Protein backbone atom coordinates (compact mmCIF):
# COMPACT_ATOMS: atom_id res chain seq x y z
CA MET A 1 -0.04 0.14 -0.10
CA ILE A 2 0.98 3.77 -0.34
CA ILE A 3 2.18 5.12 3.02
CA ASN A 4 -0.31 7.35 4.77
CA TYR A 5 1.56 10.36 5.19
CA SER A 6 -0.79 11.91 8.00
CA ASP A 7 -0.45 9.06 10.26
CA VAL A 8 3.27 8.66 9.98
CA LEU A 9 3.91 12.36 10.28
CA ASN A 10 1.70 12.59 13.12
CA TYR A 11 3.81 9.74 14.82
CA TYR A 12 7.06 11.29 14.04
CA ASN A 13 6.07 14.70 15.25
CA ASN A 14 5.28 13.48 18.53
CA LEU A 15 8.66 11.57 19.20
CA PRO A 16 10.90 13.29 21.67
CA LYS A 17 13.50 15.38 20.03
CA HIS A 18 17.11 14.13 20.28
CA GLY A 19 18.75 17.03 18.59
CA LEU A 20 21.07 14.97 16.73
CA TYR A 21 20.44 16.69 13.31
CA TYR A 22 20.95 20.25 14.48
CA ASN A 23 23.96 22.21 13.11
CA ASP A 24 24.12 24.15 16.49
CA GLU A 25 26.42 22.32 18.69
CA SER A 26 25.04 23.51 21.86
CA LYS A 27 21.56 23.12 20.77
CA LYS A 28 22.45 19.63 19.56
CA LEU A 29 24.00 18.51 23.22
CA LYS A 30 21.14 20.41 25.00
CA TYR A 31 18.35 18.26 23.45
CA PHE A 32 20.32 15.04 23.46
CA ILE A 33 21.04 15.20 27.12
CA LYS A 34 17.07 15.57 27.84
CA PHE A 35 16.65 12.82 25.37
CA ILE A 36 19.15 10.17 26.81
CA ASP A 37 16.64 8.85 29.72
CA TYR A 38 14.13 8.56 27.10
CA PHE A 39 16.36 6.47 24.68
CA LYS A 40 17.64 4.45 27.92
CA ASN A 41 14.36 3.42 28.96
CA LYS A 42 13.25 2.10 25.61
CA THR A 43 16.52 0.12 25.07
CA ASN A 44 17.83 -0.98 28.50
CA ASN A 45 16.18 -4.21 28.29
CA LEU A 46 16.53 -5.20 24.76
CA PRO A 47 18.04 -8.54 24.20
CA GLU A 48 21.39 -7.31 22.80
CA VAL A 49 21.94 -5.01 25.44
CA VAL A 50 21.14 -7.52 28.30
CA TYR A 51 23.57 -10.08 26.64
CA LEU A 52 26.26 -7.72 26.29
CA LYS A 53 26.35 -6.43 29.66
CA LYS A 54 26.19 -10.13 30.83
CA LYS A 55 29.43 -10.66 28.37
CA ILE A 56 31.29 -7.67 30.03
CA LYS A 57 30.59 -8.83 33.79
CA LEU A 58 31.71 -12.26 32.93
CA GLU A 59 34.80 -10.97 31.35
CA LYS A 60 35.20 -8.97 34.60
CA ASP A 61 34.73 -11.86 36.69
CA ASN A 62 37.46 -13.90 34.59
CA LYS A 63 34.59 -16.49 33.62
CA ILE A 64 35.47 -16.70 29.93
CA ASP A 65 36.12 -20.17 29.98
CA THR A 66 32.67 -21.10 31.41
CA LEU A 67 29.72 -22.56 29.42
CA GLU A 68 27.43 -19.58 30.58
CA TYR A 69 29.92 -17.24 28.65
CA THR A 70 30.04 -19.41 25.67
CA ASN A 71 26.18 -19.81 25.53
CA ASN A 72 25.78 -16.02 25.88
CA LEU A 73 28.07 -15.15 23.09
CA GLN A 74 26.20 -17.60 21.01
CA LYS A 75 23.03 -15.68 21.82
CA ILE A 76 24.59 -12.38 20.86
CA SER A 77 25.58 -13.95 17.51
CA GLN A 78 22.15 -15.18 16.97
CA ILE A 79 20.77 -11.76 17.33
CA GLY A 80 22.96 -10.51 14.54
CA ILE A 81 21.94 -13.50 12.12
CA ASN A 82 18.30 -12.76 13.24
CA ILE A 83 18.40 -9.03 12.18
CA MET A 84 20.42 -10.04 8.82
CA ASN A 85 17.75 -12.69 7.98
CA SER A 86 15.11 -10.42 8.65
CA GLY A 87 16.50 -7.85 6.51
CA LYS A 88 17.02 -10.18 3.54
CA LYS A 89 13.66 -11.67 3.99
CA PHE A 90 12.17 -8.12 3.65
CA GLU A 91 14.43 -7.22 0.71
CA GLU A 92 13.30 -10.46 -1.21
CA SER A 93 9.49 -9.69 -0.37
CA SER A 94 10.03 -6.34 -1.86
CA TYR A 95 11.76 -7.26 -4.94
CA LYS A 96 8.68 -9.40 -5.68
CA GLN A 97 6.43 -6.58 -5.20
CA LEU A 98 8.63 -4.08 -6.99
CA PRO A 99 7.29 -4.72 -10.74
CA LYS A 100 3.65 -3.93 -9.27
CA TYR A 101 4.56 -0.78 -7.62
CA ILE A 102 6.37 0.16 -10.97
CA LYS A 103 3.35 -0.16 -12.95
CA SER A 104 1.27 1.75 -10.39
CA ILE A 105 3.56 4.82 -10.68
CA PHE A 106 4.75 4.67 -14.27
CA LYS A 107 1.46 3.92 -16.59
CA ASP A 108 3.03 3.93 -19.92
CA ASN A 109 3.10 0.13 -21.31
CA ILE A 110 6.90 -0.43 -21.28
CA GLN A 111 9.08 -3.37 -20.95
CA PHE A 112 11.38 -2.69 -17.88
CA THR A 113 14.12 -4.47 -16.54
CA ILE A 114 15.08 -4.50 -13.01
CA TYR A 115 18.53 -4.95 -11.98
CA GLU A 116 19.10 -6.12 -8.28
CA ASN A 117 21.87 -5.43 -5.89
CA LYS A 118 24.42 -3.52 -8.15
CA THR A 119 27.24 -1.86 -7.26
CA LEU A 120 28.25 1.67 -8.36
CA PHE A 121 31.79 2.85 -9.44
CA ASN A 122 33.24 5.92 -10.61
CA LYS A 123 36.46 6.37 -12.43
CA ILE A 124 38.44 9.21 -10.86
CA GLU A 125 42.04 10.21 -12.06
CA ASN A 126 42.03 6.91 -14.06
CA GLU A 127 41.23 4.73 -10.92
CA TRP A 128 37.88 3.00 -10.55
CA LYS A 129 36.51 4.22 -6.98
CA LEU A 130 33.72 2.06 -5.25
CA ILE A 131 30.91 4.44 -4.45
CA GLY A 132 28.28 2.15 -3.01
CA GLU A 133 25.68 -0.42 -3.52
CA ILE A 134 22.36 0.19 -5.39
CA ASP A 135 19.32 -2.03 -4.37
CA ALA A 136 17.71 -1.74 -7.68
CA LEU A 137 17.82 0.04 -11.02
CA ILE A 138 14.96 0.11 -13.15
CA ILE A 139 15.76 0.47 -16.79
CA PHE A 140 13.69 0.42 -20.16
CA LYS A 141 15.09 0.74 -23.64
CA LYS A 142 13.59 2.99 -26.44
CA ASN A 143 15.07 4.18 -29.58
CA ASN A 144 18.41 2.63 -28.73
CA ILE A 145 18.54 4.63 -25.46
CA ASN A 146 18.65 2.74 -22.05
CA PHE A 147 16.47 5.18 -19.79
CA ILE A 148 17.03 4.78 -15.99
CA LEU A 149 13.60 5.18 -14.69
CA PHE A 150 13.97 4.67 -10.83
CA ILE A 151 16.82 4.13 -8.77
CA CYS A 152 15.27 2.00 -5.75
CA GLU A 153 16.50 1.59 -2.11
CA ILE A 154 14.99 -0.71 0.38
CA LYS A 155 15.16 -0.52 4.18
CA SER A 156 13.13 -2.38 6.45
CA ASN A 157 13.56 0.09 9.44
CA PHE A 158 11.46 3.34 8.56
CA ASP A 159 14.00 5.38 10.59
CA ASP A 160 16.40 4.78 7.70
CA LEU A 161 14.26 6.58 5.25
CA PRO A 162 16.81 9.57 5.09
CA ASP A 163 19.91 7.20 4.23
CA SER A 164 17.72 5.69 1.46
CA PHE A 165 17.37 9.07 -0.05
CA TYR A 166 20.95 9.83 0.60
CA GLN A 167 22.11 6.92 -1.52
CA ILE A 168 19.49 7.52 -4.30
CA ASN A 169 20.48 11.22 -4.36
CA ARG A 170 24.18 10.23 -4.65
CA THR A 171 23.74 7.58 -7.37
CA PHE A 172 21.55 10.02 -9.38
CA ASN A 173 23.97 12.89 -9.32
CA ILE A 174 27.05 10.50 -10.32
CA ILE A 175 24.90 9.28 -13.02
CA LYS A 176 23.69 12.61 -14.24
CA ASN A 177 27.04 14.20 -14.30
CA LYS A 178 28.88 11.36 -15.89
CA GLN A 179 31.30 11.83 -18.79
CA ASN A 180 33.56 9.77 -20.90
CA ASP A 181 32.49 6.71 -19.83
CA ASN A 182 33.53 7.04 -16.24
CA VAL A 183 30.86 5.62 -14.40
CA ARG A 184 29.96 1.87 -14.19
CA ILE A 185 27.23 -0.54 -12.68
CA ASN A 186 29.26 -3.69 -11.95
CA ASP A 187 30.83 -4.53 -15.36
CA ILE A 188 28.38 -2.42 -17.09
CA ILE A 189 29.80 1.08 -18.57
CA LEU A 190 27.10 3.63 -18.24
CA ASP A 191 27.99 5.16 -22.05
CA ASN A 192 25.99 7.91 -23.80
CA SER A 193 23.30 5.12 -24.53
CA TYR A 194 22.38 5.33 -20.69
CA LYS A 195 20.16 8.21 -19.75
CA LEU A 196 18.25 9.39 -16.82
CA TYR A 197 14.48 9.41 -17.57
CA TYR A 198 13.41 12.16 -15.31
CA ASN A 199 15.43 15.39 -14.47
CA ASN A 200 15.13 15.55 -10.86
CA VAL A 201 15.87 13.17 -8.21
CA TYR A 202 12.58 13.10 -6.64
CA GLU A 203 10.95 11.54 -9.53
CA THR A 204 13.83 9.17 -9.99
CA SER A 205 13.48 8.05 -6.56
CA LEU A 206 11.67 4.81 -5.37
CA ILE A 207 12.00 3.95 -1.67
CA ILE A 208 10.51 0.84 0.03
CA SER A 209 10.41 0.43 3.70
CA LYS A 210 8.13 -0.67 6.46
CA PHE A 211 6.28 1.17 9.33
CA ASN A 212 5.17 -0.90 12.03
CA PRO A 213 5.05 0.98 15.53
CA ASP A 214 3.13 -1.95 17.18
CA ASN A 215 6.39 -4.28 16.89
CA ASN A 216 9.16 -1.71 16.54
CA ILE A 217 10.83 1.11 18.50
CA TYR A 218 11.37 4.51 16.25
CA PHE A 219 13.51 7.22 17.48
CA ASN A 220 13.89 9.00 14.23
CA ILE A 221 17.44 8.21 14.39
CA GLN A 222 19.29 6.45 11.42
CA SER A 223 20.35 2.79 12.31
CA LYS A 224 24.28 3.48 11.84
CA LEU A 225 23.71 6.37 14.78
CA LYS A 226 21.01 4.41 16.83
CA TYR A 227 23.40 1.13 17.37
CA LEU A 228 26.40 3.67 18.12
CA ILE A 229 24.50 5.55 20.94
CA LEU A 230 22.75 2.48 22.00
CA MET A 231 26.31 0.87 23.07
CA LEU A 232 27.60 4.11 24.42
CA VAL A 233 24.53 4.84 26.39
CA ASN A 234 23.72 1.33 27.81
CA ILE A 235 27.07 -0.63 27.83
CA TYR A 236 29.88 2.03 28.28
CA LYS A 237 28.04 5.00 30.19
CA THR A 238 29.73 7.61 28.05
CA PRO A 239 29.10 11.13 28.60
CA PRO A 240 26.56 12.97 26.40
CA SER A 241 29.42 15.26 25.07
CA LYS A 242 31.71 12.42 23.86
CA ILE A 243 28.70 10.68 22.27
CA ILE A 244 27.94 13.70 20.35
CA SER A 245 31.72 13.92 19.33
CA LYS A 246 31.25 10.46 17.95
CA VAL A 247 28.06 11.26 15.95
CA ASN A 248 29.60 14.12 14.32
CA LYS A 249 32.43 12.00 12.97
CA LYS A 250 29.86 9.89 11.38
CA GLN A 251 27.89 12.87 10.07
CA LYS A 252 31.27 14.52 8.73
CA ASN A 253 30.55 13.54 5.07
CA GLY A 254 27.22 14.82 5.01
CA ARG A 255 25.52 11.46 5.67
CA TYR A 256 23.21 10.78 8.39
CA THR A 257 22.57 14.16 8.84
CA LYS A 258 18.63 14.45 8.05
CA ASP A 259 15.59 13.11 9.73
CA VAL A 260 12.59 11.35 8.54
CA LEU A 261 10.25 14.35 8.87
CA GLU A 262 12.48 16.56 6.32
CA ILE A 263 12.47 13.56 3.68
CA LEU A 264 8.62 12.96 4.04
CA GLN A 265 8.09 16.67 3.63
CA LEU A 266 10.34 16.96 0.89
CA PHE A 267 8.36 14.41 -1.13
CA LYS A 268 5.14 16.01 -0.15
CA LYS A 269 6.24 19.14 -1.27
CA GLN A 270 7.18 17.53 -4.69
CA LYS A 271 3.65 15.97 -4.76
CA LEU A 272 5.52 12.77 -5.20
CA THR A 273 4.49 10.91 -2.09
CA ASN A 274 3.98 7.83 -3.98
CA ARG A 275 7.68 7.35 -4.40
CA ILE A 276 7.55 6.43 -0.83
CA ILE A 277 6.11 2.96 -0.51
CA ILE A 278 5.20 0.76 2.86
CA MET A 279 4.99 -2.83 2.66
């Protein structure tokens, strides 16, 4: 189904502010200090936190050779496996639904090809530089031109909506500015026969995610930052100012600097809310 913007906007508007996306450092720290207790209460009893705390205690008690320690490590490992399998399952389900969503947005009767799990490279100073992964490219051919219709990113956690758009925007700009066969997807050189169908990134975007507040905890914090903060707050009891310093390092290249509300509003303003799909 197409996402209900009003419900999601209302949900995220009512979340406590954490300040992590503010540019003003003092304001950032001020809001984050207020947010920590809320975050801790929501995450302190998560299995990964409980098992990691137990691991540290057993290590302090010199019990690393015990069955209890081995079993605890296995539980930590299993959590990681479960998260990976859950993400893979969602991605597979998304790929199956993708043709239906493409047809609901692009009404022209065309034969398109979906290129799944591809890798983007850019040639800089005669060397191929790995840019990142692309969950899917949707391409159709017309008059010997390979039109890139959509760049698709799939995220099982709705908090990662901003990172989906970051990745799409990065790919869009590299393809848009390509020259002299300096861009490739895996082994395919994007020569002059490859062109973007739309002129702007919003029309070219296709983001698939899921939003289920009954079974998930959302903070409007992207996963890469959330798991960092999870460890620093619950395990290592790191002072807020040092946590903010570590967050700033993650944000240094312009990634992890936007929140869900900002992305939702951008697509709403463009009247392209159908580019964000919930499963």
